[in-house]
Amino acid sequence: MPTTKYYFETPYIEEGPAGYNKLHIRYKLRRGISVIKENGVYREARYPYIDELNAAETYYLGGSKYEVTLAEKASLEAAGYTVTTEIV
């Protein structure tokens, strides 16, 4: 019997390394952005501190893909994030 799984991939930004060389301008790296939920509100952080993560209701570290529950899916989508559905 097929089951439904929900996946949340954190947002990212593409940025190049420091420098003004022509190669540096063209080369881009994906940098994940962490998503932190505090007091029912989601926010994004590039470099979260451990104290922020410990105080959060839940968090998703940048650059990762997470399997989430149906309730988390609804909450993330209500906040404007995209959650993919996969039938296995």
N, C-alpha and C. Protein backbone atom coordinates (compact mmCIF):
# COMPACT_ATOMS: atom_id res chain seq x y z
N MET A 1 0.85 -1.18 0.00
CA MET A 1 0.00 0.00 0.00
C MET A 1 0.89 1.25 0.00
N PRO A 2 0.65 2.16 -0.90
CA PRO A 2 1.49 3.36 -0.98
C PRO A 2 1.30 4.27 0.24
N THR A 3 2.39 4.90 0.64
CA THR A 3 2.34 5.88 1.73
C THR A 3 2.78 7.24 1.20
N THR A 4 2.31 8.27 1.85
CA THR A 4 2.64 9.63 1.44
C THR A 4 3.67 10.20 2.40
N LYS A 5 4.72 10.79 1.84
CA LYS A 5 5.76 11.44 2.63
C LYS A 5 5.87 12.88 2.18
N TYR A 6 6.19 13.74 3.14
CA TYR A 6 6.31 15.17 2.87
C TYR A 6 7.74 15.60 3.17
N TYR A 7 8.32 16.39 2.26
CA TYR A 7 9.70 16.82 2.39
C TYR A 7 9.82 18.34 2.31
N PHE A 8 10.61 18.89 3.21
CA PHE A 8 10.89 20.32 3.22
C PHE A 8 12.38 20.52 3.00
N GLU A 9 12.71 21.25 1.95
CA GLU A 9 14.11 21.60 1.67
C GLU A 9 14.28 23.08 1.99
N THR A 10 15.26 23.37 2.83
CA THR A 10 15.45 24.75 3.27
C THR A 10 15.81 25.65 2.09
N PRO A 11 15.47 26.94 2.20
CA PRO A 11 15.84 27.86 1.11
C PRO A 11 17.36 28.03 1.03
N TYR A 12 17.81 28.59 -0.06
CA TYR A 12 19.24 28.81 -0.25
C TYR A 12 19.47 30.09 -1.05
N ILE A 13 20.71 30.51 -1.01
CA ILE A 13 21.13 31.66 -1.80
C ILE A 13 22.38 31.22 -2.57
N GLU A 14 22.53 31.72 -3.78
CA GLU A 14 23.73 31.43 -4.56
C GLU A 14 24.62 32.65 -4.52
N GLU A 15 25.84 32.44 -4.02
CA GLU A 15 26.77 33.55 -3.95
C GLU A 15 28.16 33.08 -4.35
N GLY A 16 28.92 34.00 -4.87
CA GLY A 16 30.27 33.68 -5.31
C GLY A 16 31.28 33.94 -4.21
N PRO A 17 32.46 33.36 -4.35
CA PRO A 17 33.51 33.63 -3.38
C PRO A 17 33.98 35.08 -3.47
N ALA A 18 34.63 35.53 -2.43
CA ALA A 18 35.14 36.91 -2.41
C ALA A 18 36.22 37.08 -3.47
N GLY A 19 36.25 38.24 -4.04
CA GLY A 19 37.27 38.54 -5.05
C GLY A 19 36.64 39.14 -6.29
N TYR A 20 37.42 39.83 -7.05
CA TYR A 20 36.89 40.50 -8.24
C TYR A 20 37.47 39.93 -9.52
N ASN A 21 38.00 38.74 -9.46
CA ASN A 21 38.50 38.05 -10.62
C ASN A 21 37.32 37.62 -11.49
N LYS A 22 37.48 37.54 -12.80
CA LYS A 22 36.39 37.12 -13.68
C LYS A 22 35.87 35.74 -13.33
N LEU A 23 36.74 34.85 -12.90
CA LEU A 23 36.33 33.52 -12.50
C LEU A 23 35.43 33.58 -11.26
N HIS A 24 35.78 34.43 -10.32
CA HIS A 24 34.98 34.57 -9.09
C HIS A 24 33.58 35.08 -9.38
N ILE A 25 33.44 35.92 -10.36
CA ILE A 25 32.12 36.48 -10.69
C ILE A 25 31.20 35.39 -11.24
N ARG A 26 31.74 34.44 -11.99
CA ARG A 26 30.92 33.42 -12.63
C ARG A 26 30.64 32.20 -11.75
N TYR A 27 31.49 31.93 -10.81
CA TYR A 27 31.37 30.73 -9.97
C TYR A 27 30.45 31.01 -8.78
N LYS A 28 29.42 30.21 -8.60
CA LYS A 28 28.45 30.41 -7.52
C LYS A 28 28.37 29.16 -6.65
N LEU A 29 28.16 29.38 -5.37
CA LEU A 29 27.98 28.31 -4.39
C LEU A 29 26.60 28.42 -3.77
N ARG A 30 25.97 27.27 -3.54
CA ARG A 30 24.67 27.27 -2.84
C ARG A 30 24.93 27.31 -1.34
N ARG A 31 24.37 28.30 -0.68
CA ARG A 31 24.49 28.45 0.77
C ARG A 31 23.10 28.32 1.37
N GLY A 32 22.93 27.32 2.22
CA GLY A 32 21.64 27.08 2.84
C GLY A 32 21.28 28.12 3.88
N ILE A 33 20.00 28.38 4.00
CA ILE A 33 19.48 29.30 5.00
C ILE A 33 18.63 28.49 5.98
N SER A 34 18.93 28.61 7.26
CA SER A 34 18.19 27.87 8.28
C SER A 34 16.83 28.52 8.52
N VAL A 35 15.85 27.69 8.87
CA VAL A 35 14.50 28.16 9.17
C VAL A 35 14.23 27.80 10.63
N ILE A 36 13.88 28.80 11.44
CA ILE A 36 13.67 28.63 12.87
C ILE A 36 12.25 29.04 13.22
N LYS A 37 11.57 28.21 14.03
CA LYS A 37 10.21 28.53 14.47
C LYS A 37 10.24 28.88 15.95
N GLU A 38 9.85 30.12 16.25
CA GLU A 38 9.78 30.62 17.62
C GLU A 38 8.41 31.24 17.85
N ASN A 39 7.74 30.83 18.91
CA ASN A 39 6.42 31.36 19.26
C ASN A 39 5.44 31.27 18.10
N GLY A 40 5.52 30.18 17.34
CA GLY A 40 4.59 29.95 16.24
C GLY A 40 4.92 30.71 14.96
N VAL A 41 6.04 31.44 14.95
CA VAL A 41 6.42 32.25 13.79
C VAL A 41 7.76 31.74 13.24
N TYR A 42 7.80 31.57 11.92
CA TYR A 42 9.03 31.13 11.26
C TYR A 42 9.88 32.34 10.88
N ARG A 43 11.19 32.17 11.00
CA ARG A 43 12.13 33.19 10.53
C ARG A 43 13.35 32.49 9.94
N GLU A 44 14.10 33.22 9.15
CA GLU A 44 15.28 32.65 8.51
C GLU A 44 16.54 33.23 9.12
N ALA A 45 17.58 32.40 9.18
CA ALA A 45 18.87 32.84 9.72
C ALA A 45 19.99 32.20 8.90
N ARG A 46 20.94 33.00 8.49
CA ARG A 46 22.08 32.47 7.74
C ARG A 46 23.00 31.67 8.64
N TYR A 47 23.32 32.22 9.80
CA TYR A 47 24.27 31.58 10.72
C TYR A 47 23.68 31.57 12.13
N PRO A 48 22.78 30.62 12.43
CA PRO A 48 22.13 30.63 13.74
C PRO A 48 23.09 30.21 14.86
N TYR A 49 22.90 30.80 16.03
CA TYR A 49 23.66 30.43 17.22
C TYR A 49 22.98 29.25 17.90
N ILE A 50 23.75 28.47 18.63
CA ILE A 50 23.21 27.30 19.30
C ILE A 50 22.12 27.69 20.30
N ASP A 51 22.26 28.85 20.95
CA ASP A 51 21.24 29.32 21.89
C ASP A 51 19.91 29.57 21.18
N GLU A 52 19.97 30.09 19.96
CA GLU A 52 18.75 30.30 19.18
C GLU A 52 18.06 28.97 18.87
N LEU A 53 18.87 27.98 18.52
CA LEU A 53 18.31 26.67 18.17
C LEU A 53 17.73 25.98 19.41
N ASN A 54 18.40 26.11 20.54
CA ASN A 54 17.89 25.51 21.78
C ASN A 54 16.58 26.14 22.23
N ALA A 55 16.41 27.43 21.98
CA ALA A 55 15.20 28.14 22.40
C ALA A 55 14.04 27.97 21.41
N ALA A 56 14.31 27.44 20.23
CA ALA A 56 13.29 27.33 19.18
C ALA A 56 12.33 26.17 19.44
N GLU A 57 11.10 26.32 18.94
CA GLU A 57 10.14 25.21 18.97
C GLU A 57 10.64 24.10 18.05
N THR A 58 11.07 24.49 16.88
CA THR A 58 11.66 23.57 15.91
C THR A 58 12.55 24.36 14.98
N TYR A 59 13.47 23.68 14.34
CA TYR A 59 14.34 24.36 13.38
C TYR A 59 14.76 23.38 12.30
N TYR A 60 15.11 23.95 11.15
CA TYR A 60 15.58 23.20 10.00
C TYR A 60 16.87 23.86 9.55
N LEU A 61 17.99 23.16 9.70
CA LEU A 61 19.28 23.73 9.35
C LEU A 61 19.43 23.86 7.84
N GLY A 62 20.00 24.96 7.42
CA GLY A 62 20.16 25.27 6.00
C GLY A 62 20.96 24.24 5.25
N GLY A 63 20.58 24.00 4.01
CA GLY A 63 21.28 23.07 3.15
C GLY A 63 20.84 21.63 3.33
N SER A 64 19.71 21.43 3.99
CA SER A 64 19.24 20.07 4.27
C SER A 64 17.82 19.86 3.76
N LYS A 65 17.47 18.60 3.63
CA LYS A 65 16.12 18.20 3.23
C LYS A 65 15.55 17.36 4.37
N TYR A 66 14.36 17.73 4.84
CA TYR A 66 13.75 17.08 6.00
C TYR A 66 12.43 16.42 5.65
N GLU A 67 12.19 15.27 6.23
CA GLU A 67 10.87 14.66 6.14
C GLU A 67 10.04 15.28 7.27
N VAL A 68 8.87 15.80 6.94
CA VAL A 68 8.02 16.48 7.92
C VAL A 68 6.65 15.80 8.00
N THR A 69 5.95 16.07 9.08
CA THR A 69 4.62 15.52 9.27
C THR A 69 3.60 16.37 8.50
N LEU A 70 2.39 15.87 8.43
CA LEU A 70 1.32 16.61 7.75
C LEU A 70 1.06 17.95 8.46
N ALA A 71 1.11 17.95 9.80
CA ALA A 71 0.89 19.19 10.56
C ALA A 71 2.01 20.20 10.28
N GLU A 72 3.27 19.72 10.25
CA GLU A 72 4.39 20.61 9.93
C GLU A 72 4.28 21.13 8.50
N LYS A 73 3.84 20.27 7.60
CA LYS A 73 3.64 20.67 6.20
C LYS A 73 2.66 21.83 6.11
N ALA A 74 1.54 21.70 6.79
CA ALA A 74 0.51 22.75 6.77
C ALA A 74 1.05 24.05 7.36
N SER A 75 1.80 23.94 8.46
CA SER A 75 2.37 25.11 9.11
C SER A 75 3.40 25.81 8.24
N LEU A 76 4.27 25.04 7.62
CA LEU A 76 5.29 25.61 6.73
C LEU A 76 4.67 26.26 5.50
N GLU A 77 3.68 25.61 4.92
CA GLU A 77 3.02 26.18 3.73
C GLU A 77 2.25 27.44 4.09
N ALA A 78 1.66 27.48 5.28
CA ALA A 78 0.95 28.69 5.72
C ALA A 78 1.93 29.86 5.89
N ALA A 79 3.19 29.55 6.19
CA ALA A 79 4.21 30.57 6.34
C ALA A 79 4.85 30.94 5.02
N GLY A 80 4.46 30.28 3.93
CA GLY A 80 4.96 30.64 2.60
C GLY A 80 6.08 29.76 2.07
N TYR A 81 6.38 28.67 2.74
CA TYR A 81 7.42 27.75 2.28
C TYR A 81 6.80 26.65 1.42
N THR A 82 7.63 26.01 0.62
CA THR A 82 7.18 24.94 -0.25
C THR A 82 7.56 23.60 0.35
N VAL A 83 6.58 22.69 0.44
CA VAL A 83 6.80 21.33 0.91
C VAL A 83 6.39 20.40 -0.22
N THR A 84 7.27 19.48 -0.58
CA THR A 84 6.96 18.55 -1.66
C THR A 84 6.34 17.27 -1.10
N THR A 85 5.47 16.68 -1.90
CA THR A 85 4.79 15.45 -1.53
C THR A 85 5.30 14.32 -2.41
N GLU A 86 5.56 13.18 -1.78
CA GLU A 86 6.06 12.03 -2.51
C GLU A 86 5.25 10.80 -2.08
N ILE A 87 4.74 10.06 -3.05
CA ILE A 87 4.01 8.83 -2.75
C ILE A 87 4.96 7.67 -2.98
N VAL A 88 5.16 6.91 -1.92
CA VAL A 88 6.11 5.80 -1.96
C VAL A 88 5.39 4.48 -1.95
